[in-house]
Amino acid sequence: MGFFQWVSRHKTGLVAAIGYATAAVIAVTVFVYLTFPWQQLSDWIRVKIERAANVEITIEKSRVRFPFRLIWTGVTVRQPGPVAHILWTADQVSAGWPVGAILRRQLDLDLGLQGLGGEARGRVTARRTQQGMKYHLEAAGTGFALEKLAAGFRLPSKDIGGAVAVNRLQHDWMNGNVLQGQGLLALEAKEVVLKSLETRFARINGEVSLKGGMGHLENFSAQGDALDLVGSGSLLLRSDFMESLLNFTSRVTLRKPTGPLVLLSAMASPDGHLDIALRGPLKRPTPYVNGTPLSAIGVGGFDLPSARPPDGQGQAGGREP
């Protein structure tokens, strides 16, 4: 008897068997969904992420969407320490978890983020090795407001504007040593406005590779109304990010400088070129023009003031100690 003849003869019983099996799977799924300790699971995931990334996370509200997706609203991520600087906030973070990973108690999450004016999607996994826990993160996102990101780095958010896209984020690290991991971050920003310099950049691109606590900025370029810029550099990371040591060099081509940038015209070559470098702690790097510190030219230093929270409330960056 051929296969199709057998199926035709037993069609009714086969359909019934498939129906019973489907109903059983649905019943088991609904039972697990209704009886699973979701709040404990939410707390477990939060603690795991805190340990993996060495941060502190607070969540205003958590809920579950069928079948297995946790949704957090009002998420705040802080840098641990005596002064708990807020690194970033999110309106909503969701985490989808496959049933198999839940039963094995493995961190294997499909992530979604809405906040800072944009949206992102990604995945984070954790695997136990002989050296400890190995973490892997990959993500991408668009529409992030540059002024909101700047506040997280304690930069003057009112002085800057624009939209940022994370074209690629990939990072691997062991245990909680995020800064000692390795990865790649590809960024793109559009319509960037620097009010203090009275200039605008139509587009800024750059890639940052991280390995062993050192970040390398590559393929950095900016096209603006007043100037064009290409550059590269390195950043020796510190636990307090703004204390990280920057070494950045760039070639600038002046176009139509206005405001404070007019001062650069006197130091440019006849074809409008000059070299600008930034060296020192990220919160107050020393600027160099054609190899000479600006202070030696009589222009003064370059400061990145911390973002001040309104009415004394803790916000992104907080107050400097």
Protein backbone atom coordinates (compact mmCIF):
# COMPACT_ATOMS: atom_id res chain seq x y z
CA MET A 1 0.00 0.00 0.00
CA GLY A 2 1.41 3.36 -1.01
CA PHE A 3 1.90 6.23 1.42
CA PHE A 4 -0.80 8.43 -0.10
CA GLN A 5 -3.28 5.54 -0.15
CA TRP A 6 -2.57 4.93 3.55
CA VAL A 7 -3.10 8.61 4.32
CA SER A 8 -6.37 8.64 2.38
CA ARG A 9 -7.69 5.58 4.22
CA HIS A 10 -6.71 6.87 7.66
CA LYS A 11 -7.34 10.56 7.00
CA THR A 12 -10.01 10.99 9.69
CA GLY A 13 -7.91 9.38 12.41
CA LEU A 14 -4.80 11.30 11.34
CA VAL A 15 -6.59 14.65 11.49
CA ALA A 16 -7.98 13.78 14.92
CA ALA A 17 -4.51 12.83 16.20
CA ILE A 18 -3.01 16.09 14.97
CA GLY A 19 -5.87 17.99 16.59
CA TYR A 20 -5.38 16.24 19.94
CA ALA A 21 -1.62 16.87 19.83
CA THR A 22 -2.11 20.55 19.00
CA ALA A 23 -4.65 20.95 21.78
CA ALA A 24 -2.28 19.27 24.23
CA VAL A 25 0.58 21.60 23.30
CA ILE A 26 -1.66 24.66 23.66
CA ALA A 27 -2.98 23.43 27.01
CA VAL A 28 0.52 22.84 28.37
CA THR A 29 1.69 26.26 27.12
CA VAL A 30 -1.29 28.05 28.70
CA PHE A 31 -0.80 26.14 31.97
CA VAL A 32 2.88 27.10 32.15
CA TYR A 33 2.02 30.69 31.24
CA LEU A 34 -0.63 30.99 33.97
CA THR A 35 1.31 29.27 36.74
CA PHE A 36 4.88 30.44 36.02
CA PRO A 37 6.43 32.76 38.68
CA TRP A 38 6.95 35.66 36.30
CA GLN A 39 7.92 38.23 38.94
CA GLN A 40 10.69 35.98 40.23
CA LEU A 41 11.80 35.46 36.65
CA SER A 42 11.83 39.21 36.05
CA ASP A 43 13.96 39.76 39.15
CA TRP A 44 16.30 36.93 38.11
CA ILE A 45 16.85 38.46 34.66
CA ARG A 46 17.43 41.92 36.16
CA VAL A 47 20.05 40.58 38.58
CA LYS A 48 21.76 38.60 35.81
CA ILE A 49 22.01 41.68 33.59
CA GLU A 50 23.28 43.81 36.49
CA ARG A 51 26.06 41.32 37.20
CA ALA A 52 26.90 40.85 33.53
CA ALA A 53 27.15 44.59 32.74
CA ASN A 54 28.19 45.85 36.21
CA VAL A 55 25.27 48.29 36.45
CA GLU A 56 22.26 48.95 38.68
CA ILE A 57 18.78 48.68 37.15
CA THR A 58 15.46 49.94 38.51
CA ILE A 59 12.10 49.10 36.91
CA GLU A 60 8.85 50.95 37.54
CA LYS A 61 6.59 48.17 36.27
CA SER A 62 6.91 44.70 34.76
CA ARG A 63 4.31 42.58 32.95
CA VAL A 64 4.15 39.56 30.67
CA ARG A 65 2.81 39.25 27.14
CA PHE A 66 1.82 35.81 25.86
CA PRO A 67 3.58 33.53 25.32
CA PHE A 68 6.93 34.32 26.98
CA ARG A 69 7.90 38.00 26.70
CA LEU A 70 8.68 40.17 29.70
CA ILE A 71 7.98 43.90 29.31
CA TRP A 72 9.60 46.47 31.58
CA THR A 73 8.46 50.09 31.62
CA GLY A 74 10.25 53.02 33.22
CA VAL A 75 13.74 51.48 33.16
CA THR A 76 16.72 53.34 34.64
CA VAL A 77 20.32 52.11 34.38
CA ARG A 78 22.87 53.56 36.80
CA GLN A 79 26.59 53.28 37.22
CA PRO A 80 27.25 51.66 40.62
CA GLY A 81 29.25 53.58 43.16
CA PRO A 82 29.00 56.37 45.75
CA VAL A 83 27.65 58.73 43.08
CA ALA A 84 25.19 56.63 41.07
CA HIS A 85 25.28 58.42 37.72
CA ILE A 86 22.36 57.58 35.46
CA LEU A 87 23.75 56.08 32.26
CA TRP A 88 20.46 55.94 30.37
CA THR A 89 16.73 55.55 30.73
CA ALA A 90 14.17 53.74 28.58
CA ASP A 91 10.41 54.04 28.25
CA GLN A 92 10.13 50.30 27.62
CA VAL A 93 12.38 47.26 27.43
CA SER A 94 11.06 43.87 26.33
CA ALA A 95 12.74 40.47 26.57
CA GLY A 96 11.50 37.41 24.71
CA TRP A 97 12.75 34.12 26.14
CA PRO A 98 12.54 30.74 24.35
CA VAL A 99 10.91 27.99 26.42
CA GLY A 100 14.00 25.78 26.19
CA ALA A 101 16.24 28.52 27.59
CA ILE A 102 13.78 29.11 30.44
CA LEU A 103 13.79 25.45 31.44
CA ARG A 104 17.61 25.35 31.26
CA ARG A 105 17.81 28.65 33.21
CA GLN A 106 20.02 30.14 30.49
CA LEU A 107 20.19 33.82 29.66
CA ASP A 108 19.16 33.83 25.99
CA LEU A 109 17.00 36.88 25.29
CA ASP A 110 15.61 38.67 22.26
CA LEU A 111 15.59 42.31 23.34
CA GLY A 112 13.60 45.35 22.31
CA LEU A 113 14.10 48.91 23.53
CA GLN A 114 12.06 52.09 23.21
CA GLY A 115 13.55 55.21 24.70
CA LEU A 116 15.91 58.15 24.22
CA GLY A 117 13.74 59.04 21.24
CA GLY A 118 14.51 55.83 19.30
CA GLU A 119 14.06 52.08 19.06
CA ALA A 120 16.50 49.16 19.06
CA ARG A 121 16.41 45.38 18.65
CA GLY A 122 19.03 42.92 19.78
CA ARG A 123 19.96 39.68 21.46
CA VAL A 124 22.02 38.81 24.52
CA THR A 125 23.22 35.32 25.44
CA ALA A 126 25.26 33.83 28.27
CA ARG A 127 27.16 30.54 28.35
CA ARG A 128 29.15 28.98 31.17
CA THR A 129 32.77 28.15 30.33
CA GLN A 130 35.81 26.98 32.28
CA GLN A 131 36.85 30.63 32.67
CA GLY A 132 33.39 31.73 33.88
CA MET A 133 30.33 33.23 32.23
CA LYS A 134 30.77 34.35 28.62
CA TYR A 135 28.33 37.00 27.37
CA HIS A 136 27.49 38.03 23.82
CA LEU A 137 25.44 41.07 22.76
CA GLU A 138 24.40 42.17 19.30
CA ALA A 139 21.98 44.98 18.47
CA ALA A 140 21.02 47.80 16.11
CA GLY A 141 18.75 50.81 16.47
CA THR A 142 17.65 54.11 14.94
CA GLY A 143 16.15 57.47 15.87
CA PHE A 144 18.00 58.18 19.12
CA ALA A 145 18.10 61.84 20.16
CA LEU A 146 21.69 63.03 20.46
CA GLU A 147 20.86 65.48 23.26
CA LYS A 148 19.44 62.62 25.36
CA LEU A 149 22.48 60.44 24.73
CA ALA A 150 24.78 63.36 25.60
CA ALA A 151 23.18 63.70 29.03
CA GLY A 152 24.14 60.10 29.78
CA PHE A 153 27.78 61.03 29.25
CA ARG A 154 27.47 64.17 31.38
CA LEU A 155 27.81 66.46 28.37
CA PRO A 156 25.86 69.73 27.95
CA SER A 157 22.70 68.31 26.38
CA LYS A 158 21.22 71.78 25.64
CA ASP A 159 24.21 72.58 23.43
CA ILE A 160 23.77 69.67 21.02
CA GLY A 161 21.09 68.17 18.79
CA GLY A 162 20.65 65.54 16.11
CA ALA A 163 19.56 61.95 15.44
CA VAL A 164 21.77 58.88 15.97
CA ALA A 165 21.55 55.42 14.45
CA VAL A 166 23.44 52.39 15.77
CA ASN A 167 24.05 50.48 12.56
CA ARG A 168 25.86 47.66 14.35
CA LEU A 169 26.69 46.77 17.93
CA GLN A 170 28.49 43.55 18.77
CA HIS A 171 30.28 42.84 22.04
CA ASP A 172 31.68 39.81 23.90
CA TRP A 173 32.95 39.79 27.47
CA MET A 174 33.62 37.50 30.43
CA ASN A 175 31.83 37.65 33.78
CA GLY A 176 31.13 41.31 34.66
CA ASN A 177 34.21 42.76 32.93
CA VAL A 178 32.38 44.66 30.18
CA LEU A 179 35.22 47.12 29.61
CA GLN A 180 37.71 44.28 29.15
CA GLY A 181 35.68 42.65 26.40
CA GLN A 182 35.93 43.07 22.67
CA GLY A 183 33.45 44.26 20.11
CA LEU A 184 32.46 46.78 17.46
CA LEU A 185 30.16 49.79 17.41
CA ALA A 186 29.19 51.49 14.13
CA LEU A 187 27.41 54.83 14.52
CA GLU A 188 25.81 57.34 12.19
CA ALA A 189 24.43 60.76 13.14
CA LYS A 190 22.47 63.20 10.99
CA GLU A 191 21.67 66.90 11.25
CA VAL A 192 24.00 67.38 14.22
CA VAL A 193 23.90 70.90 15.68
CA LEU A 194 26.61 72.32 17.98
CA LYS A 195 25.12 75.55 19.26
CA SER A 196 28.20 76.82 21.08
CA LEU A 197 30.24 76.55 17.86
CA GLU A 198 27.39 77.86 15.70
CA THR A 199 27.73 75.02 13.22
CA ARG A 200 25.83 72.06 11.81
CA PHE A 201 26.94 68.70 10.43
CA ALA A 202 24.72 67.01 7.87
CA ARG A 203 26.27 63.62 8.62
CA ILE A 204 28.78 62.08 11.04
CA ASN A 205 30.02 58.49 10.75
CA GLY A 206 32.39 56.43 12.85
CA GLU A 207 33.33 52.97 14.05
CA VAL A 208 34.64 52.08 17.49
CA SER A 209 36.37 48.76 18.11
CA LEU A 210 36.95 47.69 21.70
CA LYS A 211 39.54 45.24 22.95
CA GLY A 212 41.16 44.82 26.35
CA GLY A 213 39.94 48.11 27.81
CA MET A 214 41.03 50.18 24.81
CA GLY A 215 38.63 51.72 22.33
CA HIS A 216 39.83 52.56 18.82
CA LEU A 217 37.92 55.17 16.81
CA GLU A 218 38.24 54.50 13.10
CA ASN A 219 36.78 55.82 9.85
CA PHE A 220 35.49 58.91 11.62
CA SER A 221 34.19 61.59 9.27
CA ALA A 222 31.96 64.63 9.51
CA GLN A 223 30.53 66.81 6.75
CA GLY A 224 29.27 70.22 7.85
CA ASP A 225 28.38 73.72 6.79
CA ALA A 226 31.53 75.24 8.29
CA LEU A 227 34.03 72.41 7.93
CA ASP A 228 34.68 68.80 6.93
CA LEU A 229 36.66 66.48 9.17
CA VAL A 230 38.27 63.03 9.02
CA GLY A 231 40.05 61.47 11.97
CA SER A 232 40.93 58.52 14.16
CA GLY A 233 42.03 57.93 17.70
CA SER A 234 41.96 55.83 20.84
CA LEU A 235 40.26 55.89 24.21
CA LEU A 236 41.75 54.17 27.26
CA LEU A 237 38.62 53.28 29.24
CA ARG A 238 38.17 53.95 32.95
CA SER A 239 35.38 52.78 35.26
CA ASP A 240 34.27 56.42 35.41
CA PHE A 241 33.77 56.91 31.67
CA MET A 242 34.47 60.66 31.70
CA GLU A 243 37.90 59.95 33.21
CA SER A 244 38.83 57.83 30.18
CA LEU A 245 41.95 59.05 28.34
CA LEU A 246 41.35 60.35 24.82
CA ASN A 247 43.91 60.60 22.02
CA PHE A 248 42.18 61.83 18.86
CA THR A 249 43.73 63.38 15.74
CA SER A 250 41.94 64.80 12.72
CA ARG A 251 42.43 66.68 9.48
CA VAL A 252 40.01 69.58 9.09
CA THR A 253 39.04 71.38 5.90
CA LEU A 254 37.46 74.76 6.55
CA ARG A 255 34.52 75.71 4.33
CA LYS A 256 32.59 78.70 5.66
CA PRO A 257 33.52 79.02 9.34
CA THR A 258 31.30 81.21 11.51
CA GLY A 259 31.24 82.22 15.17
CA PRO A 260 34.09 80.79 17.27
CA LEU A 261 35.32 78.69 14.33
CA VAL A 262 36.49 81.86 12.55
CA LEU A 263 39.50 81.80 14.90
CA LEU A 264 40.71 78.67 13.12
CA SER A 265 40.98 80.47 9.78
CA ALA A 266 44.14 82.28 10.86
CA MET A 267 45.80 78.95 11.66
CA ALA A 268 44.80 77.14 8.46
CA SER A 269 46.95 76.62 5.39
CA PRO A 270 46.14 78.62 2.23
CA ASP A 271 43.93 75.78 1.01
CA GLY A 272 41.97 75.77 4.31
CA HIS A 273 43.51 72.69 5.96
CA LEU A 274 44.64 72.30 9.56
CA ASP A 275 45.21 69.48 12.04
CA ILE A 276 43.19 69.35 15.27
CA ALA A 277 43.86 66.89 18.10
CA LEU A 278 42.28 66.23 21.49
CA ARG A 279 44.34 64.58 24.22
CA GLY A 280 43.70 63.93 27.90
CA PRO A 281 40.76 63.01 30.16
CA LEU A 282 37.50 62.86 28.24
CA LYS A 283 35.80 65.38 30.57
CA ARG A 284 38.52 67.98 29.85
CA PRO A 285 40.78 67.10 26.90
CA THR A 286 43.51 69.47 25.77
CA PRO A 287 42.96 70.72 22.19
CA TYR A 288 45.90 71.05 19.80
CA VAL A 289 45.94 72.94 16.51
CA ASN A 290 48.73 72.01 14.13
CA GLY A 291 50.56 70.40 17.07
CA THR A 292 50.34 73.41 19.40
CA PRO A 293 48.03 73.52 22.47
CA LEU A 294 45.34 76.16 22.14
CA SER A 295 46.32 77.55 25.55
CA ALA A 296 49.77 78.34 24.13
CA ILE A 297 48.10 80.31 21.34
CA GLY A 298 46.04 82.27 23.85
CA VAL A 299 42.68 80.71 23.08
CA GLY A 300 42.21 78.83 26.35
CA GLY A 301 41.22 75.32 27.29
CA PHE A 302 38.40 73.11 26.18
CA ASP A 303 35.88 71.95 28.80
CA LEU A 304 33.04 69.49 28.72
CA PRO A 305 30.79 70.61 31.61
CA SER A 306 28.62 68.09 33.35
CA ALA A 307 24.90 68.09 32.65
CA ARG A 308 23.14 69.62 35.63
CA PRO A 309 19.89 68.01 36.81
CA PRO A 310 16.89 70.33 37.17
CA ASP A 311 15.76 71.34 40.65
CA GLY A 312 18.44 69.21 42.28
CA GLN A 313 16.91 65.94 41.03
CA GLY A 314 19.13 63.09 39.89
CA GLN A 315 19.07 62.74 36.13
CA ALA A 316 21.42 61.55 33.44
CA GLY A 317 24.92 62.18 34.71
CA GLY A 318 23.98 63.75 38.06
CA ARG A 319 26.34 66.22 39.69
CA GLU A 320 30.06 66.05 39.72
CA PRO A 321 31.42 65.01 43.10
